[in-house]
Full PDB file with SEQRES, HELIX, SHEET, SSBOND, CRYST1, ORIGX, SCALE, CONECT and MASTER records, all heavy atoms in Angstrom:
SEQRES   1 A   37  THR ASN MET TYR GLY GLN VAL LYS TYR ASN LEU TYR ILE          
SEQRES   2 A   37  ARG ASN ASP PRO ARG LYS LEU LYS MET PRO VAL TYR ALA          
SEQRES   3 A   37  ASN ILE SER LEU LYS LYS ASP VAL PHE ILE ALA                  
HELIX    1 AA1 PRO A   17  LYS A   19  5                                   3    
CRYST1    1.000    1.000    1.000  90.00  90.00  90.00 P 1           1          
ORIGX1      1.000000  0.000000  0.000000        0.00000                         
ORIGX2      0.000000  1.000000  0.000000        0.00000                         
ORIGX3      0.000000  0.000000  1.000000        0.00000                         
SCALE1      1.000000  0.000000  0.000000        0.00000                         
SCALE2      0.000000  1.000000  0.000000        0.00000                         
SCALE3      0.000000  0.000000  1.000000        0.00000                         
ATOM      1  N   THR A   1     100.021  16.504  76.354  1.00  0.00           N  
ATOM      2  CA  THR A   1      99.515  16.156  77.667  1.00  0.00           C  
ATOM      3  C   THR A   1      99.721  14.670  77.887  1.00  0.00           C  
ATOM      4  O   THR A   1      99.294  13.851  77.072  1.00  0.00           O  
ATOM      5  CB  THR A   1      98.021  16.508  77.802  1.00  0.00           C  
ATOM      6  OG1 THR A   1      97.859  17.909  77.535  1.00  0.00           O  
ATOM      7  CG2 THR A   1      97.506  16.187  79.182  1.00  0.00           C  
ATOM      8  N   ASN A   2     100.418  14.337  78.969  1.00  0.00           N  
ATOM      9  CA  ASN A   2     100.570  12.941  79.351  1.00  0.00           C  
ATOM     10  C   ASN A   2     100.101  12.789  80.785  1.00  0.00           C  
ATOM     11  O   ASN A   2      99.510  13.704  81.347  1.00  0.00           O  
ATOM     12  CB  ASN A   2     102.014  12.467  79.156  1.00  0.00           C  
ATOM     13  CG  ASN A   2     103.023  13.189  80.031  1.00  0.00           C  
ATOM     14  OD1 ASN A   2     102.699  13.727  81.079  1.00  0.00           O  
ATOM     15  ND2 ASN A   2     104.271  13.200  79.588  1.00  0.00           N  
ATOM     16  N   MET A   3     100.356  11.653  81.405  1.00  0.00           N  
ATOM     17  CA  MET A   3      99.830  11.408  82.758  1.00  0.00           C  
ATOM     18  C   MET A   3     100.432  12.335  83.809  1.00  0.00           C  
ATOM     19  O   MET A   3      99.915  12.444  84.917  1.00  0.00           O  
ATOM     20  CB  MET A   3     100.047   9.951  83.148  1.00  0.00           C  
ATOM     21  CG  MET A   3     101.484   9.541  83.299  1.00  0.00           C  
ATOM     22  SD  MET A   3     101.554   7.804  83.684  1.00  0.00           S  
ATOM     23  CE  MET A   3     102.921   7.343  82.647  1.00  0.00           C  
ATOM     24  N   TYR A   4     101.511  13.025  83.493  1.00  0.00           N  
ATOM     25  CA  TYR A   4     102.153  13.932  84.435  1.00  0.00           C  
ATOM     26  C   TYR A   4     101.755  15.389  84.219  1.00  0.00           C  
ATOM     27  O   TYR A   4     102.153  16.260  84.956  1.00  0.00           O  
ATOM     28  CB  TYR A   4     103.673  13.798  84.349  1.00  0.00           C  
ATOM     29  CG  TYR A   4     104.133  12.383  84.566  1.00  0.00           C  
ATOM     30  CD1 TYR A   4     104.628  11.637  83.511  1.00  0.00           C  
ATOM     31  CD2 TYR A   4     104.039  11.790  85.820  1.00  0.00           C  
ATOM     32  CE1 TYR A   4     105.049  10.332  83.707  1.00  0.00           C  
ATOM     33  CE2 TYR A   4     104.450  10.481  86.018  1.00  0.00           C  
ATOM     34  CZ  TYR A   4     104.954   9.752  84.956  1.00  0.00           C  
ATOM     35  OH  TYR A   4     105.355   8.459  85.146  1.00  0.00           O  
ATOM     36  N   GLY A   5     101.013  15.656  83.194  1.00  0.00           N  
ATOM     37  CA  GLY A   5     100.609  17.027  82.878  1.00  0.00           C  
ATOM     38  C   GLY A   5     101.002  17.379  81.454  1.00  0.00           C  
ATOM     39  O   GLY A   5     101.091  16.512  80.594  1.00  0.00           O  
ATOM     40  N   GLN A   6     101.275  18.647  81.235  1.00  0.00           N  
ATOM     41  CA  GLN A   6     101.650  19.096  79.894  1.00  0.00           C  
ATOM     42  C   GLN A   6     103.166  19.178  79.773  1.00  0.00           C  
ATOM     43  O   GLN A   6     103.847  19.640  80.689  1.00  0.00           O  
ATOM     44  CB  GLN A   6     101.030  20.448  79.575  1.00  0.00           C  
ATOM     45  CG  GLN A   6      99.550  20.344  79.300  1.00  0.00           C  
ATOM     46  CD  GLN A   6      99.030  21.550  78.551  1.00  0.00           C  
ATOM     47  OE1 GLN A   6      99.528  22.645  78.695  1.00  0.00           O  
ATOM     48  NE2 GLN A   6      98.009  21.332  77.744  1.00  0.00           N  
ATOM     49  N   VAL A   7     103.660  18.727  78.631  1.00  0.00           N  
ATOM     50  CA  VAL A   7     105.088  18.712  78.353  1.00  0.00           C  
ATOM     51  C   VAL A   7     105.315  19.431  77.029  1.00  0.00           C  
ATOM     52  O   VAL A   7     104.602  19.180  76.049  1.00  0.00           O  
ATOM     53  CB  VAL A   7     105.601  17.258  78.229  1.00  0.00           C  
ATOM     54  CG1 VAL A   7     107.078  17.226  77.908  1.00  0.00           C  
ATOM     55  CG2 VAL A   7     105.300  16.471  79.493  1.00  0.00           C  
ATOM     56  N   LYS A   8     106.279  20.312  77.006  1.00  0.00           N  
ATOM     57  CA  LYS A   8     106.634  20.962  75.745  1.00  0.00           C  
ATOM     58  C   LYS A   8     107.511  19.991  74.963  1.00  0.00           C  
ATOM     59  O   LYS A   8     108.499  19.469  75.482  1.00  0.00           O  
ATOM     60  CB  LYS A   8     107.388  22.265  75.998  1.00  0.00           C  
ATOM     61  CG  LYS A   8     107.695  23.015  74.722  1.00  0.00           C  
ATOM     62  CD  LYS A   8     108.355  24.343  75.004  1.00  0.00           C  
ATOM     63  CE  LYS A   8     108.623  25.033  73.668  1.00  0.00           C  
ATOM     64  NZ  LYS A   8     109.201  26.344  73.857  1.00  0.00           N  
ATOM     65  N   TYR A   9     107.130  19.722  73.721  1.00  0.00           N  
ATOM     66  CA  TYR A   9     107.859  18.768  72.898  1.00  0.00           C  
ATOM     67  C   TYR A   9     107.976  19.321  71.493  1.00  0.00           C  
ATOM     68  O   TYR A   9     106.980  19.721  70.889  1.00  0.00           O  
ATOM     69  CB  TYR A   9     107.125  17.419  72.864  1.00  0.00           C  
ATOM     70  CG  TYR A   9     107.863  16.365  72.079  1.00  0.00           C  
ATOM     71  CD1 TYR A   9     108.957  15.707  72.626  1.00  0.00           C  
ATOM     72  CD2 TYR A   9     107.477  16.032  70.788  1.00  0.00           C  
ATOM     73  CE1 TYR A   9     109.634  14.748  71.910  1.00  0.00           C  
ATOM     74  CE2 TYR A   9     108.147  15.069  70.067  1.00  0.00           C  
ATOM     75  CZ  TYR A   9     109.238  14.417  70.638  1.00  0.00           C  
ATOM     76  OH  TYR A   9     109.915  13.476  69.917  1.00  0.00           O  
ATOM     77  N   ASN A  10     109.179  19.358  70.986  1.00  0.00           N  
ATOM     78  CA  ASN A  10     109.414  19.765  69.603  1.00  0.00           C  
ATOM     79  C   ASN A  10     109.546  18.518  68.749  1.00  0.00           C  
ATOM     80  O   ASN A  10     110.445  17.708  68.988  1.00  0.00           O  
ATOM     81  CB  ASN A  10     110.681  20.608  69.495  1.00  0.00           C  
ATOM     82  CG  ASN A  10     110.544  21.940  70.185  1.00  0.00           C  
ATOM     83  OD1 ASN A  10     109.533  22.606  70.050  1.00  0.00           O  
ATOM     84  ND2 ASN A  10     111.547  22.320  70.951  1.00  0.00           N  
ATOM     85  N   LEU A  11     108.656  18.358  67.807  1.00  0.00           N  
ATOM     86  CA  LEU A  11     108.701  17.222  66.891  1.00  0.00           C  
ATOM     87  C   LEU A  11     109.578  17.603  65.710  1.00  0.00           C  
ATOM     88  O   LEU A  11     109.152  18.360  64.834  1.00  0.00           O  
ATOM     89  CB  LEU A  11     107.288  16.849  66.424  1.00  0.00           C  
ATOM     90  CG  LEU A  11     107.189  15.709  65.422  1.00  0.00           C  
ATOM     91  CD1 LEU A  11     107.732  14.420  66.021  1.00  0.00           C  
ATOM     92  CD2 LEU A  11     105.746  15.522  64.991  1.00  0.00           C  
ATOM     93  N   TYR A  12     110.797  17.124  65.733  1.00  0.00           N  
ATOM     94  CA  TYR A  12     111.720  17.390  64.636  1.00  0.00           C  
ATOM     95  C   TYR A  12     111.653  16.243  63.647  1.00  0.00           C  
ATOM     96  O   TYR A  12     111.767  15.074  64.032  1.00  0.00           O  
ATOM     97  CB  TYR A  12     113.153  17.531  65.150  1.00  0.00           C  
ATOM     98  CG  TYR A  12     113.362  18.735  66.020  1.00  0.00           C  
ATOM     99  CD1 TYR A  12     113.514  18.608  67.391  1.00  0.00           C  
ATOM    100  CD2 TYR A  12     113.386  20.006  65.466  1.00  0.00           C  
ATOM    101  CE1 TYR A  12     113.696  19.720  68.199  1.00  0.00           C  
ATOM    102  CE2 TYR A  12     113.567  21.124  66.262  1.00  0.00           C  
ATOM    103  CZ  TYR A  12     113.720  20.978  67.629  1.00  0.00           C  
ATOM    104  OH  TYR A  12     113.902  22.077  68.406  1.00  0.00           O  
ATOM    105  N   ILE A  13     111.446  16.576  62.408  1.00  0.00           N  
ATOM    106  CA  ILE A  13     111.458  15.564  61.359  1.00  0.00           C  
ATOM    107  C   ILE A  13     112.438  15.995  60.278  1.00  0.00           C  
ATOM    108  O   ILE A  13     112.758  17.174  60.147  1.00  0.00           O  
ATOM    109  CB  ILE A  13     110.047  15.313  60.777  1.00  0.00           C  
ATOM    110  CG1 ILE A  13     109.435  16.604  60.248  1.00  0.00           C  
ATOM    111  CG2 ILE A  13     109.136  14.682  61.822  1.00  0.00           C  
ATOM    112  CD1 ILE A  13     108.122  16.384  59.547  1.00  0.00           C  
ATOM    113  N   ARG A  14     112.891  15.050  59.546  1.00  0.00           N  
ATOM    114  CA  ARG A  14     113.919  15.304  58.539  1.00  0.00           C  
ATOM    115  C   ARG A  14     113.348  15.486  57.132  1.00  0.00           C  
ATOM    116  O   ARG A  14     114.045  15.866  56.225  1.00  0.00           O  
ATOM    117  CB  ARG A  14     114.932  14.171  58.566  1.00  0.00           C  
ATOM    118  CG  ARG A  14     115.787  14.231  59.816  1.00  0.00           C  
ATOM    119  CD  ARG A  14     116.510  12.930  60.082  1.00  0.00           C  
ATOM    120  NE  ARG A  14     117.423  13.057  61.206  1.00  0.00           N  
ATOM    121  CZ  ARG A  14     117.059  13.122  62.474  1.00  0.00           C  
ATOM    122  NH1 ARG A  14     115.788  13.096  62.789  1.00  0.00           N  
ATOM    123  NH2 ARG A  14     117.946  13.218  63.444  1.00  0.00           N  
ATOM    124  N   ASN A  15     112.084  15.184  56.969  1.00  0.00           N  
ATOM    125  CA  ASN A  15     111.454  15.253  55.658  1.00  0.00           C  
ATOM    126  C   ASN A  15     110.304  16.257  55.676  1.00  0.00           C  
ATOM    127  O   ASN A  15     109.596  16.377  56.670  1.00  0.00           O  
ATOM    128  CB  ASN A  15     110.924  13.871  55.266  1.00  0.00           C  
ATOM    129  CG  ASN A  15     112.042  12.875  55.119  1.00  0.00           C  
ATOM    130  OD1 ASN A  15     112.741  12.861  54.117  1.00  0.00           O  
ATOM    131  ND2 ASN A  15     112.246  12.033  56.137  1.00  0.00           N  
ATOM    132  N   ASP A  16     110.125  16.941  54.579  1.00  0.00           N  
ATOM    133  CA  ASP A  16     109.036  17.901  54.435  1.00  0.00           C  
ATOM    134  C   ASP A  16     107.710  17.135  54.461  1.00  0.00           C  
ATOM    135  O   ASP A  16     107.461  16.300  53.587  1.00  0.00           O  
ATOM    136  CB  ASP A  16     109.199  18.651  53.114  1.00  0.00           C  
ATOM    137  CG  ASP A  16     108.145  19.714  52.880  1.00  0.00           C  
ATOM    138  OD1 ASP A  16     107.093  19.707  53.568  1.00  0.00           O  
ATOM    139  OD2 ASP A  16     108.358  20.553  52.000  1.00  0.00           O  
ATOM    140  N   PRO A  17     106.854  17.385  55.456  1.00  0.00           N  
ATOM    141  CA  PRO A  17     105.602  16.627  55.557  1.00  0.00           C  
ATOM    142  C   PRO A  17     104.705  16.766  54.332  1.00  0.00           C  
ATOM    143  O   PRO A  17     103.922  15.871  54.038  1.00  0.00           O  
ATOM    144  CB  PRO A  17     104.918  17.188  56.801  1.00  0.00           C  
ATOM    145  CG  PRO A  17     105.748  18.283  57.307  1.00  0.00           C  
ATOM    146  CD  PRO A  17     107.010  18.360  56.513  1.00  0.00           C  
ATOM    147  N   ARG A  18     104.817  17.865  53.611  1.00  0.00           N  
ATOM    148  CA  ARG A  18     103.990  18.043  52.401  1.00  0.00           C  
ATOM    149  C   ARG A  18     104.417  17.094  51.293  1.00  0.00           C  
ATOM    150  O   ARG A  18     103.658  16.839  50.364  1.00  0.00           O  
ATOM    151  CB  ARG A  18     104.098  19.487  51.913  1.00  0.00           C  
ATOM    152  CG  ARG A  18     103.519  20.496  52.911  1.00  0.00           C  
ATOM    153  CD  ARG A  18     103.886  21.893  52.550  1.00  0.00           C  
ATOM    154  NE  ARG A  18     105.340  22.011  52.639  1.00  0.00           N  
ATOM    155  CZ  ARG A  18     106.030  23.126  52.545  1.00  0.00           C  
ATOM    156  NH1 ARG A  18     105.410  24.260  52.326  1.00  0.00           N  
ATOM    157  NH2 ARG A  18     107.337  23.136  52.648  1.00  0.00           N  
ATOM    158  N   LYS A  19     105.616  16.555  51.393  1.00  0.00           N  
ATOM    159  CA  LYS A  19     106.126  15.643  50.361  1.00  0.00           C  
ATOM    160  C   LYS A  19     105.983  14.174  50.754  1.00  0.00           C  
ATOM    161  O   LYS A  19     106.326  13.301  49.982  1.00  0.00           O  
ATOM    162  CB  LYS A  19     107.588  15.971  50.066  1.00  0.00           C  
ATOM    163  CG  LYS A  19     107.748  17.340  49.432  1.00  0.00           C  
ATOM    164  CD  LYS A  19     109.186  17.634  49.112  1.00  0.00           C  
ATOM    165  CE  LYS A  19     109.312  19.031  48.492  1.00  0.00           C  
ATOM    166  NZ  LYS A  19     110.694  19.382  48.220  1.00  0.00           N  
ATOM    167  N   LEU A  20     105.507  13.916  51.947  1.00  0.00           N  
ATOM    168  CA  LEU A  20     105.310  12.538  52.401  1.00  0.00           C  
ATOM    169  C   LEU A  20     103.921  12.089  51.959  1.00  0.00           C  
ATOM    170  O   LEU A  20     102.946  12.211  52.688  1.00  0.00           O  
ATOM    171  CB  LEU A  20     105.473  12.453  53.923  1.00  0.00           C  
ATOM    172  CG  LEU A  20     106.848  12.826  54.462  1.00  0.00           C  
ATOM    173  CD1 LEU A  20     106.854  12.819  55.984  1.00  0.00           C  
ATOM    174  CD2 LEU A  20     107.926  11.912  53.908  1.00  0.00           C  
ATOM    175  N   LYS A  21     103.833  11.585  50.761  1.00  0.00           N  
ATOM    176  CA  LYS A  21     102.544  11.316  50.120  1.00  0.00           C  
ATOM    177  C   LYS A  21     101.987   9.912  50.351  1.00  0.00           C  
ATOM    178  O   LYS A  21     100.947   9.580  49.832  1.00  0.00           O  
ATOM    179  CB  LYS A  21     102.658  11.552  48.609  1.00  0.00           C  
ATOM    180  CG  LYS A  21     103.043  12.973  48.247  1.00  0.00           C  
ATOM    181  CD  LYS A  21     101.970  13.947  48.585  1.00  0.00           C  
ATOM    182  CE  LYS A  21     102.345  15.343  48.119  1.00  0.00           C  
ATOM    183  NZ  LYS A  21     101.432  16.358  48.576  1.00  0.00           N  
ATOM    184  N   MET A  22     102.690   9.083  51.121  1.00  0.00           N  
ATOM    185  CA  MET A  22     102.190   7.718  51.293  1.00  0.00           C  
ATOM    186  C   MET A  22     100.867   7.704  52.055  1.00  0.00           C  
ATOM    187  O   MET A  22     100.654   8.513  52.950  1.00  0.00           O  
ATOM    188  CB  MET A  22     103.230   6.817  51.952  1.00  0.00           C  
ATOM    189  CG  MET A  22     103.693   7.215  53.323  1.00  0.00           C  
ATOM    190  SD  MET A  22     105.009   8.446  53.414  1.00  0.00           S  
ATOM    191  CE  MET A  22     106.316   7.833  52.473  1.00  0.00           C  
ATOM    192  N   PRO A  23      99.959   6.796  51.683  1.00  0.00           N  
ATOM    193  CA  PRO A  23      98.637   6.764  52.325  1.00  0.00           C  
ATOM    194  C   PRO A  23      98.689   6.179  53.733  1.00  0.00           C  
ATOM    195  O   PRO A  23      99.539   5.341  54.051  1.00  0.00           O  
ATOM    196  CB  PRO A  23      97.817   5.872  51.392  1.00  0.00           C  
ATOM    197  CG  PRO A  23      98.812   5.011  50.704  1.00  0.00           C  
ATOM    198  CD  PRO A  23     100.074   5.830  50.594  1.00  0.00           C  
ATOM    199  N   VAL A  24      97.759   6.637  54.562  1.00  0.00           N  
ATOM    200  CA  VAL A  24      97.594   6.118  55.920  1.00  0.00           C  
ATOM    201  C   VAL A  24      96.169   5.603  56.029  1.00  0.00           C  
ATOM    202  O   VAL A  24      95.217   6.370  55.915  1.00  0.00           O  
ATOM    203  CB  VAL A  24      97.865   7.210  56.980  1.00  0.00           C  
ATOM    204  CG1 VAL A  24      97.591   6.677  58.380  1.00  0.00           C  
ATOM    205  CG2 VAL A  24      99.290   7.731  56.871  1.00  0.00           C  
ATOM    206  N   TYR A  25      96.052   4.303  56.220  1.00  0.00           N  
ATOM    207  CA  TYR A  25      94.745   3.661  56.386  1.00  0.00           C  
ATOM    208  C   TYR A  25      94.638   3.192  57.832  1.00  0.00           C  
ATOM    209  O   TYR A  25      94.736   1.996  58.122  1.00  0.00           O  
ATOM    210  CB  TYR A  25      94.598   2.477  55.434  1.00  0.00           C  
ATOM    211  CG  TYR A  25      94.837   2.820  53.985  1.00  0.00           C  
ATOM    212  CD1 TYR A  25      95.999   2.416  53.327  1.00  0.00           C  
ATOM    213  CD2 TYR A  25      93.907   3.568  53.267  1.00  0.00           C  
ATOM    214  CE1 TYR A  25      96.219   2.733  52.002  1.00  0.00           C  
ATOM    215  CE2 TYR A  25      94.120   3.881  51.940  1.00  0.00           C  
ATOM    216  CZ  TYR A  25      95.278   3.462  51.312  1.00  0.00           C  
ATOM    217  OH  TYR A  25      95.500   3.775  49.993  1.00  0.00           O  
ATOM    218  N   ALA A  26      94.514   4.142  58.750  1.00  0.00           N  
ATOM    219  CA  ALA A  26      94.499   3.784  60.168  1.00  0.00           C  
ATOM    220  C   ALA A  26      93.812   4.861  60.993  1.00  0.00           C  
ATOM    221  O   ALA A  26      93.967   6.045  60.728  1.00  0.00           O  
ATOM    222  CB  ALA A  26      95.935   3.598  60.670  1.00  0.00           C  
ATOM    223  N   ASN A  27      93.071   4.395  61.981  1.00  0.00           N  
ATOM    224  CA  ASN A  27      92.513   5.264  63.005  1.00  0.00           C  
ATOM    225  C   ASN A  27      93.364   4.989  64.246  1.00  0.00           C  
ATOM    226  O   ASN A  27      93.128   4.020  64.961  1.00  0.00           O  
ATOM    227  CB  ASN A  27      91.043   4.932  63.247  1.00  0.00           C  
ATOM    228  CG  ASN A  27      90.433   5.837  64.287  1.00  0.00           C  
ATOM    229  OD1 ASN A  27      90.997   6.867  64.653  1.00  0.00           O  
ATOM    230  ND2 ASN A  27      89.276   5.449  64.784  1.00  0.00           N  
ATOM    231  N   ILE A  28      94.368   5.814  64.486  1.00  0.00           N  
ATOM    232  CA  ILE A  28      95.403   5.508  65.462  1.00  0.00           C  
ATOM    233  C   ILE A  28      94.931   5.788  66.881  1.00  0.00           C  
ATOM    234  O   ILE A  28      94.596   6.911  67.234  1.00  0.00           O  
ATOM    235  CB  ILE A  28      96.692   6.296  65.154  1.00  0.00           C  
ATOM    236  CG1 ILE A  28      97.141   6.030  63.707  1.00  0.00           C  
ATOM    237  CG2 ILE A  28      97.793   5.926  66.146  1.00  0.00           C  
ATOM    238  CD1 ILE A  28      98.259   6.928  63.223  1.00  0.00           C  
ATOM    239  N   SER A  29      94.911   4.734  67.675  1.00  0.00           N  
ATOM    240  CA  SER A  29      94.561   4.803  69.089  1.00  0.00           C  
ATOM    241  C   SER A  29      95.417   3.753  69.788  1.00  0.00           C  
ATOM    242  O   SER A  29      95.202   2.553  69.605  1.00  0.00           O  
ATOM    243  CB  SER A  29      93.075   4.516  69.284  1.00  0.00           C  
ATOM    244  OG  SER A  29      92.757   4.573  70.646  1.00  0.00           O  
ATOM    245  N   LEU A  30      96.390   4.205  70.563  1.00  0.00           N  
ATOM    246  CA  LEU A  30      97.379   3.302  71.139  1.00  0.00           C  
ATOM    247  C   LEU A  30      97.011   2.886  72.553  1.00  0.00           C  
ATOM    248  O   LEU A  30      96.449   3.667  73.314  1.00  0.00           O  
ATOM    249  CB  LEU A  30      98.751   3.981  71.153  1.00  0.00           C  
ATOM    250  CG  LEU A  30      99.231   4.570  69.817  1.00  0.00           C  
ATOM    251  CD1 LEU A  30     100.577   5.253  70.003  1.00  0.00           C  
ATOM    252  CD2 LEU A  30      99.312   3.503  68.745  1.00  0.00           C  
ATOM    253  N   LYS A  31      97.356   1.655  72.905  1.00  0.00           N  
ATOM    254  CA  LYS A  31      97.221   1.179  74.273  1.00  0.00           C  
ATOM    255  C   LYS A  31      98.440   1.647  75.065  1.00  0.00           C  
ATOM    256  O   LYS A  31      99.406   2.140  74.500  1.00  0.00           O  
ATOM    257  CB  LYS A  31      97.112  -0.338  74.279  1.00  0.00           C  
ATOM    258  CG  LYS A  31      95.867  -0.831  73.532  1.00  0.00           C  
ATOM    259  CD  LYS A  31      95.420  -2.151  74.062  1.00  0.00           C  
ATOM    260  CE  LYS A  31      94.153  -2.602  73.396  1.00  0.00           C  
ATOM    261  NZ  LYS A  31      92.958  -2.134  74.044  1.00  0.00           N  
ATOM    262  N   LYS A  32      98.406   1.505  76.360  1.00  0.00           N  
ATOM    263  CA  LYS A  32      99.476   2.003  77.247  1.00  0.00           C  
ATOM    264  C   LYS A  32     100.836   1.384  76.915  1.00  0.00           C  
ATOM    265  O   LYS A  32     101.862   2.054  76.939  1.00  0.00           O  
ATOM    266  CB  LYS A  32      99.095   1.714  78.700  1.00  0.00           C  
ATOM    267  CG  LYS A  32     100.066   2.235  79.700  1.00  0.00           C  
ATOM    268  CD  LYS A  32      99.953   3.726  79.821  1.00  0.00           C  
ATOM    269  CE  LYS A  32     100.888   4.241  80.904  1.00  0.00           C  
ATOM    270  NZ  LYS A  32     101.350   5.571  80.629  1.00  0.00           N  
ATOM    271  N   ASP A  33     100.861   0.082  76.631  1.00  0.00           N  
ATOM    272  CA  ASP A  33     102.103  -0.622  76.305  1.00  0.00           C  
ATOM    273  C   ASP A  33     102.230  -0.749  74.794  1.00  0.00           C  
ATOM    274  O   ASP A  33     101.341  -1.307  74.134  1.00  0.00           O  
ATOM    275  CB  ASP A  33     102.129  -2.002  76.956  1.00  0.00           C  
ATOM    276  CG  ASP A  33     102.131  -1.922  78.473  1.00  0.00           C  
ATOM    277  OD1 ASP A  33     102.893  -1.103  79.018  1.00  0.00           O  
ATOM    278  OD2 ASP A  33     101.359  -2.669  79.108  1.00  0.00           O  
ATOM    279  N   VAL A  34     103.331  -0.223  74.267  1.00  0.00           N  
ATOM    280  CA  VAL A  34     103.552  -0.205  72.820  1.00  0.00           C  
ATOM    281  C   VAL A  34     104.867  -0.904  72.497  1.00  0.00           C  
ATOM    282  O   VAL A  34     105.907  -0.578  73.082  1.00  0.00           O  
ATOM    283  CB  VAL A  34     103.600   1.243  72.284  1.00  0.00           C  
ATOM    284  CG1 VAL A  34     103.883   1.247  70.790  1.00  0.00           C  
ATOM    285  CG2 VAL A  34     102.308   1.982  72.593  1.00  0.00           C  
ATOM    286  N   PHE A  35     104.800  -1.863  71.586  1.00  0.00           N  
ATOM    287  CA  PHE A  35     105.996  -2.512  71.071  1.00  0.00           C  
ATOM    288  C   PHE A  35     106.284  -1.951  69.683  1.00  0.00           C  
ATOM    289  O   PHE A  35     105.382  -1.880  68.849  1.00  0.00           O  
ATOM    290  CB  PHE A  35     105.804  -4.026  70.964  1.00  0.00           C  
ATOM    291  CG  PHE A  35     105.825  -4.719  72.286  1.00  0.00           C  
ATOM    292  CD1 PHE A  35     104.678  -4.800  73.070  1.00  0.00           C  
ATOM    293  CD2 PHE A  35     106.996  -5.297  72.759  1.00  0.00           C  
ATOM    294  CE1 PHE A  35     104.693  -5.430  74.302  1.00  0.00           C  
ATOM    295  CE2 PHE A  35     107.025  -5.927  73.991  1.00  0.00           C  
ATOM    296  CZ  PHE A  35     105.870  -5.994  74.764  1.00  0.00           C  
ATOM    297  N   ILE A  36     107.516  -1.548  69.459  1.00  0.00           N  
ATOM    298  CA  ILE A  36     107.957  -1.157  68.117  1.00  0.00           C  
ATOM    299  C   ILE A  36     108.750  -2.347  67.591  1.00  0.00           C  
ATOM    300  O   ILE A  36     109.852  -2.631  68.070  1.00  0.00           O  
ATOM    301  CB  ILE A  36     108.815   0.119  68.136  1.00  0.00           C  
ATOM    302  CG1 ILE A  36     108.049   1.281  68.763  1.00  0.00           C  
ATOM    303  CG2 ILE A  36     109.260   0.468  66.710  1.00  0.00           C  
ATOM    304  CD1 ILE A  36     108.883   2.546  68.951  1.00  0.00           C  
ATOM    305  N   ALA A  37     108.150  -3.076  66.661  1.00  0.00           N  
ATOM    306  CA  ALA A  37     108.742  -4.306  66.137  1.00  0.00           C  
ATOM    307  C   ALA A  37     109.344  -4.056  64.760  1.00  0.00           C  
ATOM    308  O   ALA A  37     108.701  -3.449  63.896  1.00  0.00           O  
ATOM    309  CB  ALA A  37     107.680  -5.399  66.060  1.00  0.00           C  
TER     310      ALA A  37                                                      
MASTER        0    0    0    1    0    0    0    6  309    1    0    3          
END                                                                             
């Protein structure tokens, strides 16, 4: 769901998520403007 309604989106990833063991120390909440640096 985005500001225009619901969108069908397929999240394709190349790695098995069960094998991605790195830790995540974050409570992810993004602002409207996002920079990928």
